[in-house]
Structures are given as C-alpha cells and as structure tokens.
Amino acid sequence: MKFFSLSLLIFALSATYAQNAEQIIRKMEEKMRGESAELEMRMQIIRPRYTRIMQMKTWAKGQDYSLVIITDPARDRGTAFLKRKKEIWNYVPNVDRTIKLPPNMMSQSWMGSDFTNDDLVRESSVIDDFDQQLMGTDIIDGTECFVLELIPKPGSSVVFSKVKVWIGKEDYLHRRSENYGDKGELVSVIQNSNIRNLGGRMIPTRIEIIPQGKSGHKTVIEYLNGQFNRPIRDDFFSLQNLKNFR
C-alpha cells in the first residue's frame, strides 16, 4: 500500500512538471522579449587569430516578425534580414539584391558567426516546435534554475536532437542552453550573463555562444540599448523597409 501511494506521488509530481514546463517557457519569453522589442547590439566574432566586431539594430514583434539591420562596419552596413511569419528574406546592399532564404539555409552560420540564421530570426518556436519537459533544478552562477529538456517535434525544422535550458527559478531569466546533435553529442553552449536594467527590464545583456570542439572560437552579443512593448505595426516589417530603412 505504501509503495502504491509513493508511485501515485511520483506520478503526480511528474504530471505537474509536464504541465508547468510550457508555462515556464512562456514566462521566460515574456521576460526576455515582451510583446515587442527594439534593440541595439554589438557582436564580436572571436577566432584564434582575429576578432571581428559588428553592430546592428533589431526590431521584433511576437514570434512572427523581426527585422535586423547591420549598422557597422561600413562594408556590411545596410545588410538586413527580415522575418514575416514563415518567410525569411535577406537584403544585400552591395548588389542591391533581396533573397528569400529556403528552410535548408536556416542552420547555416549568420554573418560568419557561431549563431545560425535560425538563432537570429527565431524561425523555430520553443512552444510550437518542441515538446518540453521539466527535469528538475540546478545552480547556475549561484542562482537556482529550472532545467528543461526540449525535444523537437516530428516534422519541425529544428537542427538539434535535443536542447537543455536553464531558467532562473525566481526571475524566469534564461541563463544557459546546451544544444545536442543527432548522436547525442554536445554541439554548442549558450551562456547569458550581465543582468542589468535595459529599457525598464532586468535581463541578461551578454550572450555567449561557444561551439564545442573548436578551441578559441566563440561569438559574443551585447545589448547596448533597448525598448520593450512599444507599438510596432505589422507593415513595419516590409520588404521596402528591408531595403531602405536606415
């Protein structure tokens, strides 16, 4: 009888974890992005023999719309990426050409960094494209975190076989991610740090992605300025703005 009661308790706890995993993800995304976001960012692409620095402006509205425009260095200025629902576009100013990116390009490197095109415009949705499970808790940099395991749903365009995510238990801020390949190997680690007030929100303002098996390689994004939840019309995310916005 005691064993049966313990089994029921374990089942109840497991059911609670499964029920709450999506809620934790939604709270994390609300904390990190809100309904809309406008950000100025600096990106450092660090390699054993050089470091490349770029600056950019980004706008995002929910999961469906985002616009990214390179502002520095001069040779890349005006290069832009647009997401409108399921369509991804890239504008290359040097040849005045707009290119629609096919799904198989989403896993490719973005501007030579360790981020992918999908990381940049977030074609995949943590809610829609993954099954989420709360695995327990862990400590990251002295902060107790929920640990979630995300498994891509069949038919999704996600390139990883599994993603582990650490989310602060008190503040619901994203602290760490681990991306795993088809054979279960660790492919890359994302670390979020330097939590400070940005546009009225306390969020991590430094993101590091560290590919595994590539000594001396990493990419760092730092948020310089930002505003959240300011109204942005859907038609702001247009092909015209992709080419002409400055």
Protein backbone atom coordinates (compact mmCIF):
# COMPACT_ATOMS: atom_id res chain seq x y z
CA MET A 1 0.00 0.00 0.00
CA LYS A 2 2.87 2.39 0.84
CA PHE A 3 4.56 1.56 -2.48
CA PHE A 4 1.30 2.27 -4.35
CA SER A 5 0.94 5.65 -2.61
CA LEU A 6 4.57 6.55 -3.40
CA SER A 7 4.00 5.64 -7.05
CA LEU A 8 0.97 7.90 -7.16
CA LEU A 9 3.02 10.72 -5.62
CA ILE A 10 5.82 10.31 -8.18
CA PHE A 11 3.26 10.26 -11.00
CA ALA A 12 1.59 13.40 -9.65
CA LEU A 13 4.92 15.24 -9.44
CA SER A 14 5.84 14.17 -12.98
CA ALA A 15 2.47 15.35 -14.27
CA THR A 16 2.97 18.72 -12.55
CA TYR A 17 6.40 19.12 -14.17
CA ALA A 18 4.98 18.32 -17.61
CA GLN A 19 2.12 20.76 -17.11
CA ASN A 20 4.36 23.57 -15.90
CA ALA A 21 7.19 23.28 -18.45
CA GLU A 22 5.34 25.27 -21.12
CA GLN A 23 4.30 27.88 -18.55
CA ILE A 24 7.94 28.36 -17.52
CA ILE A 25 8.98 28.81 -21.17
CA ARG A 26 6.20 31.35 -21.77
CA LYS A 27 7.19 33.33 -18.68
CA MET A 28 10.83 33.27 -19.80
CA GLU A 29 9.96 34.56 -23.28
CA GLU A 30 7.77 37.32 -21.82
CA LYS A 31 10.63 38.38 -19.54
CA MET A 32 13.25 38.30 -22.28
CA ARG A 33 11.25 39.81 -25.17
CA GLY A 34 7.82 41.08 -24.20
CA GLU A 35 5.25 41.72 -26.93
CA SER A 36 7.81 43.69 -28.94
CA ALA A 37 11.46 44.68 -28.67
CA GLU A 38 13.79 47.26 -30.24
CA LEU A 39 17.47 46.66 -29.53
CA GLU A 40 20.90 47.97 -30.43
CA MET A 41 23.56 45.26 -30.21
CA ARG A 42 27.27 44.68 -30.68
CA MET A 43 28.54 41.29 -31.84
CA GLN A 44 32.10 40.02 -31.51
CA ILE A 45 33.12 37.01 -33.60
CA ILE A 46 36.18 35.65 -31.79
CA ARG A 47 38.63 33.35 -33.53
CA PRO A 48 42.15 32.22 -32.59
CA ARG A 49 43.77 34.70 -35.00
CA TYR A 50 41.29 37.58 -35.16
CA THR A 51 38.22 39.25 -33.67
CA ARG A 52 35.55 40.79 -35.88
CA ILE A 53 33.12 43.35 -34.44
CA MET A 54 29.72 44.30 -35.86
CA GLN A 55 26.86 46.49 -34.66
CA MET A 56 23.20 46.14 -35.55
CA LYS A 57 19.67 47.28 -34.81
CA THR A 58 16.84 44.80 -34.38
CA TRP A 59 13.07 45.00 -34.10
CA ALA A 60 10.82 42.10 -33.15
CA LYS A 61 7.09 41.62 -32.64
CA GLY A 62 5.96 38.36 -31.11
CA GLN A 63 7.09 35.20 -32.88
CA ASP A 64 6.06 36.26 -36.38
CA TYR A 65 8.01 39.42 -37.20
CA SER A 66 11.62 40.55 -36.91
CA LEU A 67 13.98 42.89 -38.75
CA VAL A 68 17.77 43.05 -38.32
CA ILE A 69 19.94 45.72 -39.96
CA ILE A 70 23.74 45.89 -39.81
CA THR A 71 24.96 49.42 -38.99
CA ASP A 72 28.73 48.82 -38.70
CA PRO A 73 31.31 48.14 -40.14
CA ALA A 74 30.89 50.20 -43.30
CA ARG A 75 31.41 47.25 -45.66
CA ASP A 76 28.39 45.44 -44.19
CA ARG A 77 26.22 48.49 -43.47
CA GLY A 78 22.68 48.08 -44.77
CA THR A 79 22.79 44.27 -44.92
CA ALA A 80 19.43 43.24 -43.50
CA PHE A 81 17.32 40.23 -42.56
CA LEU A 82 13.53 40.15 -42.36
CA LYS A 83 11.15 37.56 -40.97
CA ARG A 84 7.46 37.73 -41.82
CA LYS A 85 5.71 34.69 -40.36
CA LYS A 86 7.24 31.72 -42.26
CA GLU A 87 9.18 33.79 -44.80
CA ILE A 88 12.82 34.85 -44.27
CA TRP A 89 14.43 37.48 -46.51
CA ASN A 90 17.99 38.81 -46.81
CA TYR A 91 18.92 42.12 -48.46
CA VAL A 92 22.50 42.52 -49.77
CA PRO A 93 23.15 46.23 -50.49
CA ASN A 94 26.39 45.74 -52.46
CA VAL A 95 24.47 44.06 -55.27
CA ASP A 96 21.06 45.60 -54.40
CA ARG A 97 19.53 42.14 -54.21
CA THR A 98 16.80 40.68 -52.00
CA ILE A 99 16.96 36.92 -51.44
CA LYS A 100 14.33 34.67 -49.91
CA LEU A 101 16.07 32.11 -47.71
CA PRO A 102 14.97 28.48 -48.13
CA PRO A 103 14.46 26.37 -44.98
CA ASN A 104 17.72 24.47 -45.52
CA MET A 105 19.70 27.70 -45.04
CA MET A 106 18.36 28.33 -41.53
CA SER A 107 21.05 26.13 -39.95
CA GLN A 108 23.89 27.98 -41.72
CA SER A 109 26.19 30.46 -39.99
CA TRP A 110 24.93 34.03 -39.74
CA MET A 111 27.49 36.59 -41.00
CA GLY A 112 30.36 34.21 -40.20
CA SER A 113 29.43 33.94 -36.51
CA ASP A 114 28.65 30.90 -34.35
CA PHE A 115 24.96 31.83 -34.47
CA THR A 116 22.74 30.43 -37.21
CA ASN A 117 20.16 32.20 -39.34
CA ASP A 118 17.53 30.48 -37.19
CA ASP A 119 19.08 31.85 -33.98
CA LEU A 120 18.89 35.34 -35.42
CA VAL A 121 15.29 35.45 -36.58
CA ARG A 122 13.97 32.55 -34.49
CA GLU A 123 12.10 30.70 -37.22
CA SER A 124 11.68 27.79 -34.81
CA SER A 125 9.39 28.31 -31.81
CA VAL A 126 10.21 26.82 -28.41
CA ILE A 127 6.48 26.41 -27.79
CA ASP A 128 5.33 25.15 -31.20
CA ASP A 129 8.33 23.11 -32.40
CA PHE A 130 9.41 21.35 -29.19
CA ASP A 131 7.97 19.04 -26.59
CA GLN A 132 9.07 20.46 -23.22
CA GLN A 133 9.77 18.56 -20.04
CA LEU A 134 10.86 19.95 -16.67
CA MET A 135 13.74 17.75 -15.48
CA GLY A 136 14.47 19.35 -12.11
CA THR A 137 16.61 22.19 -10.77
CA ASP A 138 20.27 23.19 -10.84
CA ILE A 139 22.51 26.08 -9.73
CA ILE A 140 24.00 28.43 -12.35
CA ASP A 141 26.31 31.19 -11.08
CA GLY A 142 24.72 30.98 -7.62
CA THR A 143 21.15 31.14 -8.98
CA GLU A 144 18.69 28.24 -8.63
CA CYS A 145 17.29 27.38 -12.05
CA PHE A 146 14.66 25.15 -13.59
CA VAL A 147 16.24 22.67 -16.01
CA LEU A 148 14.09 21.88 -19.04
CA GLU A 149 14.67 19.39 -21.82
CA LEU A 150 13.30 20.29 -25.25
CA ILE A 151 12.82 17.59 -27.89
CA PRO A 152 11.93 18.68 -31.45
CA LYS A 153 8.51 17.59 -32.63
CA PRO A 154 8.33 15.38 -35.75
CA GLY A 155 8.35 17.50 -38.90
CA SER A 156 9.87 20.58 -37.25
CA SER A 157 12.81 22.33 -38.91
CA VAL A 158 14.98 22.22 -35.76
CA VAL A 159 18.54 21.05 -36.47
CA PHE A 160 19.28 19.76 -32.95
CA SER A 161 18.15 16.44 -31.48
CA LYS A 162 17.77 17.93 -28.00
CA VAL A 163 18.14 21.26 -26.22
CA LYS A 164 18.60 21.72 -22.46
CA VAL A 165 17.63 25.08 -20.99
CA TRP A 166 18.32 26.64 -17.59
CA ILE A 167 15.79 29.30 -16.48
CA GLY A 168 16.01 31.25 -13.21
CA LYS A 169 13.50 29.94 -10.69
CA GLU A 170 12.75 33.37 -9.20
CA ASP A 171 13.17 35.73 -12.16
CA TYR A 172 12.45 33.37 -15.13
CA LEU A 173 15.51 34.67 -16.98
CA HIS A 174 17.28 32.42 -19.47
CA ARG A 175 20.74 31.60 -18.04
CA ARG A 176 22.12 28.77 -20.19
CA SER A 177 21.36 26.43 -23.09
CA GLU A 178 23.04 23.29 -24.38
CA ASN A 179 22.42 22.11 -27.96
CA TYR A 180 22.89 18.44 -28.83
CA GLY A 181 23.45 16.77 -32.22
CA ASP A 182 21.97 13.65 -33.80
CA LYS A 183 24.35 11.32 -31.96
CA GLY A 184 23.69 12.90 -28.58
CA GLU A 185 26.92 14.91 -28.63
CA LEU A 186 27.09 18.43 -27.19
CA VAL A 187 27.33 20.83 -30.15
CA SER A 188 27.29 24.26 -28.52
CA VAL A 189 26.71 26.07 -25.23
CA ILE A 190 24.95 29.43 -24.85
CA GLN A 191 25.62 31.42 -21.67
CA ASN A 192 23.64 34.53 -20.68
CA SER A 193 25.05 36.96 -18.13
CA ASN A 194 25.47 40.63 -17.10
CA ILE A 195 21.88 41.09 -15.91
CA ARG A 196 21.02 44.79 -15.80
CA ASN A 197 18.18 47.23 -16.43
CA LEU A 198 17.60 47.68 -20.14
CA GLY A 199 14.57 49.68 -21.24
CA GLY A 200 12.94 49.18 -17.85
CA ARG A 201 13.58 45.41 -17.76
CA MET A 202 16.13 43.41 -15.82
CA ILE A 203 17.51 41.00 -18.43
CA PRO A 204 20.81 39.32 -19.37
CA THR A 205 22.63 41.72 -21.70
CA ARG A 206 25.56 39.49 -22.68
CA ILE A 207 25.08 36.30 -24.71
CA GLU A 208 27.99 33.97 -25.46
CA ILE A 209 27.75 31.00 -27.80
CA ILE A 210 30.64 28.58 -27.55
CA PRO A 211 30.88 25.82 -30.17
CA GLN A 212 32.31 22.57 -28.87
CA GLY A 213 35.43 21.09 -30.41
CA LYS A 214 36.63 24.45 -31.79
CA SER A 215 39.25 25.82 -29.44
CA GLY A 216 39.34 29.62 -29.30
CA HIS A 217 36.02 30.03 -31.13
CA LYS A 218 33.06 31.89 -29.67
CA THR A 219 30.61 34.69 -30.50
CA VAL A 220 29.50 37.34 -28.01
CA ILE A 221 26.44 39.57 -28.38
CA GLU A 222 25.99 42.54 -26.05
CA TYR A 223 22.78 44.56 -25.78
CA LEU A 224 23.68 48.27 -25.76
CA ASN A 225 20.24 49.91 -25.67
CA GLY A 226 16.68 48.65 -25.82
CA GLN A 227 12.97 49.34 -25.56
CA PHE A 228 10.18 46.84 -24.99
CA ASN A 229 6.44 46.71 -25.64
CA ARG A 230 6.34 49.83 -27.79
CA PRO A 231 3.64 49.53 -30.51
CA ILE A 232 5.01 48.36 -33.88
CA ARG A 233 2.68 47.98 -36.86
CA ASP A 234 2.86 44.72 -38.80
CA ASP A 235 3.55 46.62 -42.01
CA PHE A 236 6.78 47.98 -40.49
CA PHE A 237 8.19 44.53 -41.26
CA SER A 238 8.05 45.01 -45.03
CA LEU A 239 10.37 44.30 -47.96
CA GLN A 240 10.53 48.05 -48.54
CA ASN A 241 11.89 48.65 -45.03
CA LEU A 242 14.27 45.73 -45.50
CA LYS A 243 15.93 47.64 -48.36
CA ASN A 244 15.50 51.27 -47.38
CA PHE A 245 15.48 51.54 -43.57
CA ARG A 246 18.44 53.49 -42.11
